[in-house]
Amino acid sequence: MYDGQVVQPRAKIREVQAVVAAMHGLPVEAMWSRSRKHKWAHPRQEAMALARELTGRSFPEIGIMFGGKDHTTILYAHRKVTKLAETDAVLAERLAIARARIAALVAERVAKQPTSTGWQPPAPLRPAKPMKVAVRFDLAAWARLGGEMEAVS
């Protein structure tokens, strides 16, 4: 329900993947790869954690966008990266830089969107010709049912 608060635009999972891949010098395809090499898996886990944090998407939705991964894989990555960032200053700084770059991408995307949609309500419908209604009336049946007739001039 809308209660007067301004809704902040969210990042897209593809934006998160692109930023993290670029920061690590990897192709974006590494984000949905099945490779378990540390050089691809760790950045992918960072992207999964950031996607959960910045997009507001569910674990299963994020898993689909990361090459059909299970939701528990996303949950594990989120917990692991969050816990490591508490003790690893380099990782925490890298995540902060990634958040800033993603925020800039979102701001750029929002700025490109038109402020109004240009939509106008359609004109009211008017029949092209006056409508003619044909009514058939069985006067004998009406009289048998006790109907009364009155002449209208």
Protein backbone atom coordinates (compact mmCIF):
# COMPACT_ATOMS: atom_id res chain seq x y z
CA MET A 1 0.00 0.00 0.00
CA TYR A 2 1.23 3.49 -0.83
CA ASP A 3 1.49 5.67 2.28
CA GLY A 4 3.03 8.79 0.76
CA GLN A 5 6.63 7.62 0.88
CA VAL A 6 8.84 8.06 -2.15
CA VAL A 7 9.73 4.70 -3.66
CA GLN A 8 13.45 4.38 -4.36
CA PRO A 9 14.31 2.74 -7.69
CA ARG A 10 15.97 -0.63 -7.31
CA ALA A 11 18.96 -2.02 -9.12
CA LYS A 12 18.51 -4.74 -11.69
CA ILE A 13 20.30 -8.05 -11.29
CA ARG A 14 21.98 -7.59 -14.69
CA GLU A 15 23.39 -4.23 -13.52
CA VAL A 16 24.86 -5.86 -10.41
CA GLN A 17 26.37 -8.66 -12.48
CA ALA A 18 27.91 -6.24 -14.99
CA VAL A 19 29.49 -4.04 -12.31
CA VAL A 20 30.98 -6.93 -10.30
CA ALA A 21 32.26 -8.69 -13.43
CA ALA A 22 33.92 -5.48 -14.64
CA MET A 23 35.52 -4.86 -11.25
CA HIS A 24 37.09 -8.32 -11.33
CA GLY A 25 38.04 -8.18 -15.01
CA LEU A 26 35.73 -11.06 -15.93
CA PRO A 27 33.20 -11.46 -18.71
CA VAL A 28 29.58 -11.10 -17.61
CA GLU A 29 29.06 -14.74 -18.59
CA ALA A 30 31.11 -15.68 -15.52
CA MET A 31 28.17 -14.61 -13.38
CA TRP A 32 25.91 -17.38 -14.66
CA SER A 33 28.64 -19.92 -15.31
CA ARG A 34 28.78 -23.28 -13.54
CA SER A 35 32.56 -22.98 -13.03
CA ARG A 36 33.80 -23.50 -9.47
CA LYS A 37 37.17 -21.87 -10.05
CA HIS A 38 37.84 -19.39 -7.24
CA LYS A 39 38.62 -16.64 -9.72
CA TRP A 40 35.01 -16.93 -11.03
CA ALA A 41 33.12 -18.31 -8.03
CA HIS A 42 34.10 -15.65 -5.48
CA PRO A 43 33.10 -12.66 -7.67
CA ARG A 44 29.87 -14.51 -8.47
CA GLN A 45 29.19 -14.87 -4.73
CA GLU A 46 29.82 -11.15 -4.26
CA ALA A 47 27.37 -10.39 -7.05
CA MET A 48 24.78 -12.73 -5.52
CA ALA A 49 25.08 -11.01 -2.15
CA LEU A 50 24.84 -7.54 -3.69
CA ALA A 51 21.90 -8.61 -5.84
CA ARG A 52 20.03 -9.75 -2.74
CA GLU A 53 20.85 -6.52 -0.95
CA LEU A 54 20.20 -4.02 -3.76
CA THR A 55 17.43 -5.52 -5.90
CA GLY A 56 14.90 -6.68 -3.34
CA ARG A 57 14.42 -9.89 -5.32
CA SER A 58 13.85 -13.26 -3.68
CA PHE A 59 16.56 -15.93 -3.46
CA PRO A 60 14.87 -18.11 -6.14
CA GLU A 61 14.54 -15.14 -8.54
CA ILE A 62 18.21 -14.29 -8.10
CA GLY A 63 19.16 -17.95 -8.57
CA ILE A 64 17.40 -18.03 -11.93
CA MET A 65 19.35 -14.98 -13.10
CA PHE A 66 22.63 -16.60 -12.03
CA GLY A 67 22.32 -19.55 -14.38
CA GLY A 68 19.59 -21.51 -12.64
CA LYS A 69 21.29 -21.75 -9.26
CA ASP A 70 19.32 -23.09 -6.30
CA HIS A 71 18.01 -20.56 -3.79
CA THR A 72 20.21 -22.08 -1.08
CA THR A 73 23.28 -21.24 -3.17
CA ILE A 74 22.25 -17.58 -3.12
CA LEU A 75 21.54 -17.75 0.62
CA TYR A 76 24.97 -19.29 1.26
CA ALA A 77 26.72 -16.63 -0.86
CA HIS A 78 24.85 -13.82 0.90
CA ARG A 79 25.76 -15.11 4.37
CA LYS A 80 29.37 -15.85 3.43
CA VAL A 81 30.09 -12.48 1.80
CA THR A 82 28.33 -10.54 4.57
CA LYS A 83 30.34 -12.35 7.27
CA LEU A 84 33.65 -11.99 5.38
CA ALA A 85 33.05 -8.26 4.82
CA GLU A 86 32.97 -7.76 8.61
CA THR A 87 36.59 -8.88 8.95
CA ASP A 88 38.09 -8.30 5.48
CA ALA A 89 38.61 -4.57 4.88
CA VAL A 90 39.57 -5.09 1.23
CA LEU A 91 36.33 -6.96 0.53
CA ALA A 92 34.29 -4.37 2.43
CA GLU A 93 35.88 -1.57 0.38
CA ARG A 94 35.30 -3.45 -2.89
CA LEU A 95 31.62 -3.97 -1.97
CA ALA A 96 31.26 -0.26 -1.12
CA ILE A 97 32.74 0.72 -4.48
CA ALA A 98 30.42 -1.74 -6.25
CA ARG A 99 27.40 -0.30 -4.40
CA ALA A 100 28.38 3.21 -5.49
CA ARG A 101 28.83 2.18 -9.13
CA ILE A 102 25.51 0.32 -9.13
CA ALA A 103 23.78 3.35 -7.59
CA ALA A 104 25.24 5.51 -10.36
CA LEU A 105 23.92 3.07 -13.01
CA VAL A 106 20.46 3.12 -11.43
CA ALA A 107 20.47 6.92 -11.27
CA GLU A 108 21.51 7.09 -14.93
CA ARG A 109 18.77 4.65 -15.93
CA VAL A 110 16.13 6.59 -13.99
CA ALA A 111 17.29 9.89 -15.50
CA LYS A 112 16.79 8.49 -19.01
CA GLN A 113 13.18 7.52 -18.31
CA PRO A 114 10.60 10.04 -19.44
CA THR A 115 8.86 11.88 -16.62
CA SER A 116 5.41 11.40 -18.11
CA THR A 117 4.21 8.53 -20.19
CA GLY A 118 2.33 10.71 -22.64
CA TRP A 119 -0.72 8.52 -22.14
CA GLN A 120 -4.06 10.19 -22.65
CA PRO A 121 -7.40 8.61 -21.83
CA PRO A 122 -9.37 7.59 -24.90
CA ALA A 123 -12.26 9.71 -26.08
CA PRO A 124 -15.68 8.51 -24.96
CA LEU A 125 -17.29 6.08 -27.35
CA ARG A 126 -20.14 7.37 -29.48
CA PRO A 127 -22.20 5.21 -31.77
CA ALA A 128 -21.70 6.00 -35.44
CA LYS A 129 -25.42 5.75 -36.20
CA PRO A 130 -28.46 6.07 -34.00
CA MET A 131 -29.33 2.69 -32.64
CA LYS A 132 -32.52 1.05 -33.83
CA VAL A 133 -34.21 -1.43 -31.61
CA ALA A 134 -36.69 -3.90 -33.00
CA VAL A 135 -39.18 -5.37 -30.55
CA ARG A 136 -41.61 -8.12 -31.44
CA PHE A 137 -44.64 -8.30 -29.31
CA ASP A 138 -47.20 -11.10 -29.16
CA LEU A 139 -50.37 -9.15 -28.28
CA ALA A 140 -52.53 -12.28 -27.94
CA ALA A 141 -50.13 -13.82 -25.39
CA TRP A 142 -49.96 -10.54 -23.56
CA ALA A 143 -53.73 -10.37 -23.30
CA ARG A 144 -53.94 -14.01 -22.05
CA LEU A 145 -51.51 -13.15 -19.26
CA GLY A 146 -53.72 -10.31 -18.17
CA GLY A 147 -51.66 -7.55 -19.60
CA GLU A 148 -53.30 -4.22 -20.08
CA MET A 149 -52.92 -2.16 -23.18
CA GLU A 150 -52.88 1.53 -23.35
CA ALA A 151 -52.64 3.69 -26.41
CA VAL A 152 -49.78 6.14 -26.47
CA SER A 153 -50.02 9.07 -28.79
